[in-house]
Amino acid sequence: MARSHHPSVAGPIWVVCRYHAAVEFLKDNRFAKSKQKLGRESQRRYFRVSALKHLDQHMLSADPPMHTRLRSLVAQAFTARRVEALRPRITAIAEQLLDSVQQQDRVDLLDAFAFPLPITVIAELLGVPVEDQDRFREWTTTFLTPPKDGDVAPLRRMAQEFQAYLQEFLARRRAEPRDDLASAMIAAEEQGDRLSPVELMSMVFLLLVAGHETTVNLIGNGIWALLKHPEQLERLRAAPALLDSAVEEMLRYCGPVKHSTSRFTLEDTEFHGQHIPAGEMVVAGLVSANHDAEVFPEPERFDIARQPNRHIAFGSGIHFCLGAPLALLEAKLSFRLLLERLPQLRFAVEPSTLRWRDSLLIHGLERLPVTF
């Protein structure tokens, strides 16, 4: 466990790095999610953009019982049966994107495939216009990669623009309900489920952001790992039945989320021999924990048949990623089609020149140029 600083955060950050400690931390209710429980000094130190308060009243920023209520409102949209019903549509989107990719000699796989696939799926699920996906990407990138120079003006502008967009969208859905998740959440609000307008807007914001970012980077990082380890790529081509375990190993080896979302100490807390003062931020280092040699033998070896593989790329405890089944389905369909339709897939640049995004939360590449 280490105490460090990140350029995008004004206060200190405690990072839980080892696997068993991280799992314990993620289930420890002494660490709170709700910033409303923090004192004013800690709120000023860690939350410098007041405009974001209208976008963070969602389940990832809540503790029970509020978390339980908010999560239950959307959980039925992500059941195994509901997700499996999306298989034909996800396949059709992926096939259409690959039709376009195959007409080119070289593409950035993130731009051409890994981003548009999940954003189209989550936008259709919510009922948000898919044609606005470029705006979502710009806003999401700003949100997840705060400025290192301390200038929060772009973040403030993003929050205001995203908020205005969602207010207009939800007003249209109230006037004209449809068979989508946003309309269902509005109906729940109107039936007295105590979902406030700000909570509703925050939940749509969360689902839009989390509903595509994890999958974008799971696909991008997974292809990067396969191309970096050609013997594993050929192994997967020769034994397609290994696809499920290959995706699990991608999640462990180069997972899409670097650190868990933040939690805070409400009082002075002792954890694994460390004294953490009240009001400080604590996160689990998910990528670090998934490379703990005590749990994963030869952790730096990428092995698509690794068993057992109890990674925590999707977190643990009550905040375990609700969209994990959808992300897994999108990823498995994507890898199957990519390997089938692009048999000569390879890097279009020297792998060492690829850059990783500078984000406290996200673990993903800035671009992934490939040829085939």
Protein backbone atom coordinates (compact mmCIF):
# COMPACT_ATOMS: atom_id res chain seq x y z
CA MET A 1 0.00 0.00 0.00
CA ALA A 2 1.41 3.38 -0.98
CA ARG A 3 0.51 7.04 -0.52
CA SER A 4 1.04 9.05 -3.69
CA HIS A 5 -0.13 12.03 -5.70
CA HIS A 6 -1.59 12.37 -9.19
CA PRO A 7 -1.43 15.62 -11.20
CA SER A 8 -5.20 15.62 -11.73
CA VAL A 9 -6.00 15.34 -7.99
CA ALA A 10 -5.16 18.04 -5.46
CA GLY A 11 -5.00 15.79 -2.41
CA PRO A 12 -3.02 12.66 -1.58
CA ILE A 13 -4.15 9.24 -2.85
CA TRP A 14 -3.63 5.93 -1.06
CA VAL A 15 -3.26 3.01 -3.50
CA VAL A 16 -3.87 -0.57 -2.34
CA CYS A 17 -1.58 -2.60 -4.60
CA ARG A 18 -1.65 -6.26 -3.48
CA TYR A 19 -4.44 -8.61 -4.51
CA HIS A 20 -5.84 -9.84 -1.18
CA ALA A 21 -5.63 -6.37 0.38
CA ALA A 22 -7.40 -4.86 -2.65
CA VAL A 23 -10.27 -7.38 -2.42
CA GLU A 24 -10.58 -6.70 1.30
CA PHE A 25 -10.54 -2.94 0.72
CA LEU A 26 -13.23 -3.10 -1.98
CA LYS A 27 -15.55 -4.85 0.50
CA ASP A 28 -14.68 -2.73 3.57
CA ASN A 29 -17.57 -0.40 4.49
CA ARG A 30 -15.23 1.85 6.48
CA PHE A 31 -14.31 3.40 3.13
CA ALA A 32 -17.18 5.54 1.87
CA LYS A 33 -18.17 6.44 -1.70
CA SER A 34 -20.45 9.38 -1.03
CA LYS A 35 -18.62 12.71 -1.01
CA GLN A 36 -21.54 14.21 0.94
CA LYS A 37 -20.16 12.41 3.99
CA LEU A 38 -16.84 14.27 3.75
CA GLY A 39 -15.95 17.45 5.55
CA ARG A 40 -15.79 20.70 3.59
CA GLU A 41 -11.98 20.76 3.48
CA SER A 42 -11.79 17.30 1.90
CA GLN A 43 -14.58 18.14 -0.54
CA ARG A 44 -12.71 21.26 -1.68
CA ARG A 45 -9.47 19.32 -2.00
CA TYR A 46 -10.80 16.42 -4.08
CA PHE A 47 -13.80 17.94 -5.91
CA ARG A 48 -12.75 21.17 -7.57
CA VAL A 49 -15.48 21.38 -10.22
CA SER A 50 -18.83 22.15 -8.62
CA ALA A 51 -20.65 21.65 -11.95
CA LEU A 52 -19.95 17.92 -11.68
CA LYS A 53 -22.27 17.63 -8.68
CA HIS A 54 -25.20 17.31 -11.11
CA LEU A 55 -23.56 14.32 -12.81
CA ASP A 56 -22.21 12.30 -9.88
CA GLN A 57 -25.38 11.38 -7.97
CA HIS A 58 -25.24 7.83 -9.30
CA MET A 59 -24.63 4.37 -7.85
CA LEU A 60 -20.82 4.55 -8.12
CA SER A 61 -20.86 7.59 -5.86
CA ALA A 62 -23.31 6.17 -3.33
CA ASP A 63 -23.25 3.92 -0.28
CA PRO A 64 -26.07 1.64 0.90
CA PRO A 65 -28.99 2.02 1.13
CA MET A 66 -28.95 4.62 -1.67
CA HIS A 67 -26.54 2.50 -3.72
CA THR A 68 -28.85 -0.52 -3.41
CA ARG A 69 -31.85 1.49 -4.62
CA LEU A 70 -30.04 3.08 -7.59
CA ARG A 71 -28.42 -0.17 -8.71
CA SER A 72 -31.69 -2.09 -8.56
CA LEU A 73 -33.27 0.37 -10.99
CA VAL A 74 -30.92 -0.63 -13.82
CA ALA A 75 -29.86 -4.14 -12.80
CA GLN A 76 -32.67 -5.79 -14.76
CA ALA A 77 -31.29 -4.30 -17.99
CA PHE A 78 -28.03 -6.20 -17.48
CA THR A 79 -29.27 -9.67 -16.53
CA ALA A 80 -27.69 -12.57 -18.41
CA ARG A 81 -30.88 -13.13 -20.41
CA ARG A 82 -31.27 -9.46 -21.37
CA VAL A 83 -27.63 -9.22 -22.37
CA GLU A 84 -27.74 -12.46 -24.39
CA ALA A 85 -30.72 -11.06 -26.30
CA LEU A 86 -28.41 -8.31 -27.58
CA ARG A 87 -26.09 -10.83 -29.30
CA PRO A 88 -27.62 -10.50 -32.81
CA ARG A 89 -27.55 -6.71 -32.71
CA ILE A 90 -23.96 -6.56 -31.38
CA THR A 91 -22.89 -9.01 -34.09
CA ALA A 92 -24.58 -6.92 -36.79
CA ILE A 93 -22.87 -3.72 -35.58
CA ALA A 94 -19.48 -5.44 -35.46
CA GLU A 95 -19.93 -6.93 -38.95
CA GLN A 96 -20.90 -3.53 -40.36
CA LEU A 97 -17.86 -1.85 -38.79
CA LEU A 98 -15.55 -4.56 -40.14
CA ASP A 99 -17.03 -4.15 -43.63
CA SER A 100 -15.78 -0.56 -43.50
CA VAL A 101 -12.43 -1.52 -41.95
CA GLN A 102 -11.71 -4.07 -44.70
CA GLN A 103 -12.05 -1.38 -47.35
CA GLN A 104 -8.91 0.30 -45.98
CA ASP A 105 -5.24 -0.67 -45.86
CA ARG A 106 -4.59 0.66 -42.39
CA VAL A 107 -6.83 1.91 -39.56
CA ASP A 108 -6.71 3.05 -35.99
CA LEU A 109 -8.59 0.09 -34.54
CA LEU A 110 -9.81 2.22 -31.61
CA ASP A 111 -11.44 4.79 -33.91
CA ALA A 112 -12.67 2.35 -36.51
CA PHE A 113 -13.96 -0.45 -34.30
CA ALA A 114 -13.29 -0.53 -30.55
CA PHE A 115 -15.01 2.80 -29.84
CA PRO A 116 -18.05 2.80 -32.16
CA LEU A 117 -19.15 -0.73 -31.24
CA PRO A 118 -19.84 -0.30 -27.49
CA ILE A 119 -20.99 3.33 -27.74
CA THR A 120 -23.57 2.29 -30.34
CA VAL A 121 -24.76 -0.57 -28.13
CA ILE A 122 -25.11 1.49 -24.94
CA ALA A 123 -26.65 4.45 -26.79
CA GLU A 124 -29.29 2.19 -28.34
CA LEU A 125 -29.93 0.53 -24.98
CA LEU A 126 -30.47 3.90 -23.30
CA GLY A 127 -32.29 5.44 -26.24
CA VAL A 128 -29.71 8.19 -26.76
CA PRO A 129 -29.12 9.27 -30.40
CA VAL A 130 -26.19 7.22 -31.71
CA GLU A 131 -25.24 10.01 -34.11
CA ASP A 132 -24.08 12.05 -31.10
CA GLN A 133 -21.35 9.49 -30.28
CA ASP A 134 -18.47 11.84 -31.21
CA ARG A 135 -19.72 14.34 -28.64
CA PHE A 136 -19.91 11.59 -26.00
CA ARG A 137 -16.34 10.58 -26.77
CA GLU A 138 -15.03 14.13 -26.48
CA TRP A 139 -16.85 14.72 -23.18
CA THR A 140 -15.87 11.34 -21.77
CA THR A 141 -12.20 11.82 -22.64
CA THR A 142 -12.22 15.20 -20.89
CA PHE A 143 -13.92 13.71 -17.84
CA LEU A 144 -11.56 10.74 -17.52
CA THR A 145 -8.35 12.62 -18.33
CA PRO A 146 -8.46 15.77 -16.17
CA PRO A 147 -5.85 18.45 -16.95
CA LYS A 148 -2.49 18.06 -15.25
CA ASP A 149 -1.84 21.81 -15.17
CA GLY A 150 -4.66 22.47 -12.71
CA ASP A 151 -6.82 24.26 -15.29
CA VAL A 152 -10.30 22.86 -14.66
CA ALA A 153 -12.04 25.11 -17.23
CA PRO A 154 -12.32 22.30 -19.84
CA LEU A 155 -13.73 19.96 -17.20
CA ARG A 156 -16.24 22.59 -16.09
CA ARG A 157 -17.26 23.24 -19.70
CA MET A 158 -17.66 19.50 -20.32
CA ALA A 159 -19.90 19.13 -17.27
CA GLN A 160 -22.10 22.05 -18.34
CA GLU A 161 -22.42 20.83 -21.94
CA PHE A 162 -23.09 17.21 -20.96
CA GLN A 163 -25.62 18.30 -18.33
CA ALA A 164 -27.48 20.53 -20.80
CA TYR A 165 -27.53 17.71 -23.35
CA LEU A 166 -28.91 15.18 -20.87
CA GLN A 167 -31.55 17.59 -19.57
CA GLU A 168 -32.83 18.11 -23.10
CA PHE A 169 -32.72 14.39 -23.89
CA LEU A 170 -34.60 13.41 -20.71
CA ALA A 171 -37.20 16.12 -21.32
CA ARG A 172 -37.87 14.57 -24.75
CA ARG A 173 -38.16 11.11 -23.22
CA ARG A 174 -40.61 12.35 -20.60
CA ALA A 175 -42.76 13.81 -23.38
CA GLU A 176 -42.36 10.78 -25.67
CA PRO A 177 -41.45 7.59 -23.75
CA ARG A 178 -39.98 4.71 -25.74
CA ASP A 179 -38.94 1.12 -25.13
CA ASP A 180 -35.50 2.01 -23.79
CA LEU A 181 -33.65 2.14 -20.47
CA ALA A 182 -33.93 5.92 -20.06
CA SER A 183 -37.72 5.74 -20.40
CA ALA A 184 -37.82 2.87 -17.91
CA MET A 185 -35.85 4.90 -15.35
CA ILE A 186 -38.13 7.88 -15.90
CA ALA A 187 -41.14 5.62 -15.31
CA ALA A 188 -39.56 4.39 -12.08
CA GLU A 189 -39.04 7.99 -10.97
CA GLU A 190 -42.64 8.86 -11.69
CA GLN A 191 -43.89 5.80 -9.76
CA GLY A 192 -42.45 7.24 -6.57
CA ASP A 193 -39.17 5.38 -6.45
CA ARG A 194 -37.56 8.58 -5.14
CA LEU A 195 -35.22 8.90 -8.14
CA SER A 196 -34.64 12.63 -8.30
CA PRO A 197 -34.07 14.48 -11.61
CA VAL A 198 -30.38 14.89 -10.72
CA GLU A 199 -30.05 11.18 -9.88
CA LEU A 200 -31.73 10.28 -13.17
CA MET A 201 -29.38 12.51 -15.16
CA SER A 202 -26.37 11.17 -13.24
CA MET A 203 -27.34 7.56 -13.90
CA VAL A 204 -27.66 8.16 -17.66
CA PHE A 205 -24.30 9.93 -17.56
CA LEU A 206 -22.69 7.00 -15.72
CA LEU A 207 -24.14 4.38 -18.05
CA LEU A 208 -23.01 6.31 -21.14
CA VAL A 209 -19.47 6.74 -19.82
CA ALA A 210 -18.96 3.37 -18.13
CA GLY A 211 -21.03 1.55 -20.75
CA HIS A 212 -18.45 2.10 -23.46
CA GLU A 213 -15.09 3.04 -21.90
CA THR A 214 -14.46 -0.36 -20.31
CA THR A 215 -15.22 -2.22 -23.53
CA VAL A 216 -13.25 0.15 -25.76
CA ASN A 217 -10.13 -0.54 -23.74
CA LEU A 218 -10.83 -4.23 -23.22
CA ILE A 219 -10.92 -4.65 -27.01
CA GLY A 220 -7.98 -2.33 -27.68
CA ASN A 221 -5.77 -3.72 -24.90
CA GLY A 222 -6.71 -7.29 -25.80
CA ILE A 223 -5.68 -6.90 -29.45
CA TRP A 224 -2.47 -5.17 -28.30
CA ALA A 225 -1.68 -8.13 -26.03
CA LEU A 226 -2.35 -10.69 -28.77
CA LEU A 227 -0.20 -8.84 -31.31
CA LYS A 228 2.57 -8.42 -28.73
CA HIS A 229 2.48 -12.18 -28.12
CA PRO A 230 2.12 -13.77 -31.59
CA GLU A 231 2.55 -17.28 -30.20
CA GLN A 232 -0.59 -16.75 -28.08
CA LEU A 233 -2.42 -15.27 -31.07
CA GLU A 234 -1.63 -18.35 -33.15
CA ARG A 235 -2.62 -20.56 -30.23
CA LEU A 236 -6.02 -18.87 -30.12
CA ARG A 237 -6.47 -19.14 -33.88
CA ALA A 238 -5.70 -22.85 -33.66
CA ALA A 239 -8.01 -23.39 -30.65
CA PRO A 240 -10.98 -20.96 -30.78
CA ALA A 241 -12.45 -22.72 -27.72
CA LEU A 242 -9.85 -20.84 -25.68
CA LEU A 243 -11.58 -17.53 -26.40
CA ASP A 244 -13.34 -17.32 -23.03
CA SER A 245 -10.17 -17.89 -21.02
CA ALA A 246 -8.24 -15.61 -23.39
CA VAL A 247 -10.58 -12.71 -22.62
CA GLU A 248 -10.22 -13.37 -18.88
CA GLU A 249 -6.44 -13.27 -19.27
CA MET A 250 -6.68 -9.98 -21.19
CA LEU A 251 -8.66 -8.57 -18.30
CA ARG A 252 -5.98 -9.71 -15.87
CA TYR A 253 -2.88 -8.91 -17.91
CA CYS A 254 -3.89 -5.53 -19.34
CA GLY A 255 -7.28 -4.69 -17.85
CA PRO A 256 -9.21 -1.62 -19.04
CA VAL A 257 -9.41 0.05 -15.61
CA LYS A 258 -6.19 1.09 -13.87
CA HIS A 259 -7.61 1.93 -10.44
CA SER A 260 -10.97 1.48 -8.80
CA THR A 261 -13.16 4.52 -8.38
CA SER A 262 -12.35 6.50 -5.26
CA ARG A 263 -13.39 5.83 -1.69
CA PHE A 264 -12.74 8.00 1.38
CA THR A 265 -11.95 7.55 5.04
CA LEU A 266 -14.57 9.20 7.26
CA GLU A 267 -12.31 8.87 10.31
CA ASP A 268 -8.71 7.94 11.04
CA THR A 269 -8.41 4.36 9.80
CA GLU A 270 -5.88 1.55 10.19
CA PHE A 271 -5.57 -0.70 7.16
CA HIS A 272 -2.85 -3.32 6.58
CA GLY A 273 -0.41 -1.59 8.88
CA GLN A 274 -1.00 1.89 7.50
CA HIS A 275 -2.60 4.82 9.33
CA ILE A 276 -4.88 6.71 6.95
CA PRO A 277 -6.10 10.10 8.24
CA ALA A 278 -9.78 11.01 7.96
CA GLY A 279 -10.92 12.59 4.72
CA GLU A 280 -8.33 11.05 2.40
CA MET A 281 -8.86 9.25 -0.92
CA VAL A 282 -8.13 5.53 -1.25
CA VAL A 283 -8.25 3.44 -4.44
CA ALA A 284 -7.43 -0.16 -5.35
CA GLY A 285 -4.72 -0.62 -7.95
CA LEU A 286 -6.58 -3.15 -10.12
CA VAL A 287 -3.82 -3.66 -12.69
CA SER A 288 -1.25 -3.97 -9.90
CA ALA A 289 -3.37 -6.43 -7.91
CA ASN A 290 -3.87 -8.55 -11.01
CA HIS A 291 -0.08 -8.90 -11.31
CA ASP A 292 0.44 -10.06 -7.72
CA ALA A 293 2.83 -13.02 -7.91
CA GLU A 294 1.35 -14.53 -4.73
CA VAL A 295 -1.91 -15.10 -6.61
CA PHE A 296 -0.87 -15.30 -10.26
CA PRO A 297 2.27 -17.39 -10.95
CA GLU A 298 4.54 -15.65 -13.47
CA PRO A 299 2.22 -12.63 -13.56
CA GLU A 300 4.07 -10.93 -16.44
CA ARG A 301 3.47 -13.95 -18.69
CA PHE A 302 0.44 -13.57 -20.99
CA ASP A 303 -1.20 -17.01 -21.04
CA ILE A 304 -4.59 -17.30 -22.75
CA ALA A 305 -5.24 -20.64 -21.02
CA ARG A 306 -4.38 -19.45 -17.49
CA GLN A 307 -6.33 -21.32 -14.81
CA PRO A 308 -7.37 -20.37 -12.24
CA ASN A 309 -7.73 -16.68 -13.07
CA ARG A 310 -9.54 -14.84 -10.28
CA HIS A 311 -8.72 -11.33 -11.51
CA ILE A 312 -10.51 -8.26 -10.18
CA ALA A 313 -10.56 -6.22 -13.39
CA PHE A 314 -14.28 -5.58 -12.84
CA GLY A 315 -13.82 -4.81 -9.15
CA SER A 316 -15.27 -6.71 -6.19
CA GLY A 317 -18.01 -6.35 -3.61
CA ILE A 318 -21.21 -4.37 -4.02
CA HIS A 319 -19.66 -2.08 -6.66
CA PHE A 320 -18.66 -4.98 -8.94
CA CYS A 321 -19.20 -3.73 -12.50
CA LEU A 322 -22.88 -4.09 -13.33
CA GLY A 323 -22.13 -4.06 -17.05
CA ALA A 324 -19.54 -6.85 -16.92
CA PRO A 325 -21.76 -9.41 -18.75
CA LEU A 326 -22.35 -6.91 -21.58
CA ALA A 327 -18.66 -5.98 -21.81
CA LEU A 328 -17.70 -9.66 -21.95
CA LEU A 329 -20.22 -10.44 -24.67
CA GLU A 330 -19.11 -7.44 -26.76
CA ALA A 331 -15.46 -8.38 -26.34
CA LYS A 332 -15.87 -12.08 -27.17
CA LEU A 333 -17.92 -11.35 -30.28
CA SER A 334 -15.39 -8.69 -31.31
CA PHE A 335 -12.33 -10.91 -30.95
CA ARG A 336 -14.00 -13.80 -32.77
CA LEU A 337 -14.92 -11.62 -35.74
CA LEU A 338 -11.62 -9.73 -35.80
CA LEU A 339 -9.64 -12.97 -35.93
CA GLU A 340 -11.94 -14.51 -38.54
CA ARG A 341 -12.11 -11.54 -40.88
CA LEU A 342 -8.62 -10.08 -40.43
CA PRO A 343 -6.34 -13.15 -40.49
CA GLN A 344 -3.24 -11.04 -41.26
CA LEU A 345 -3.90 -8.49 -38.50
CA ARG A 346 -0.68 -6.86 -37.23
CA PHE A 347 0.70 -3.60 -35.85
CA ALA A 348 1.05 -0.81 -38.41
CA VAL A 349 3.66 0.96 -36.25
CA GLU A 350 6.45 -0.07 -33.94
CA PRO A 351 4.66 -1.23 -30.73
CA SER A 352 7.09 0.71 -28.54
CA THR A 353 5.79 3.99 -30.04
CA LEU A 354 2.24 3.41 -28.79
CA ARG A 355 1.24 5.67 -25.91
CA TRP A 356 -1.04 4.90 -22.97
CA ARG A 357 -3.63 7.43 -21.82
CA ASP A 358 -2.62 9.52 -18.83
CA SER A 359 -5.62 8.81 -16.63
CA LEU A 360 -5.95 7.90 -12.97
CA LEU A 361 -8.87 5.61 -13.76
CA ILE A 362 -8.58 4.33 -17.34
CA HIS A 363 -5.93 1.94 -18.66
CA GLY A 364 -6.03 2.23 -22.43
CA LEU A 365 -4.07 3.22 -25.52
CA GLU A 366 -4.37 6.62 -27.18
CA ARG A 367 -4.43 4.92 -30.59
CA LEU A 368 -3.88 1.48 -32.09
CA PRO A 369 -2.81 1.62 -35.77
CA VAL A 370 -3.09 -1.79 -37.43
CA THR A 371 -2.88 -3.24 -40.91
CA PHE A 372 -4.05 -6.54 -42.29
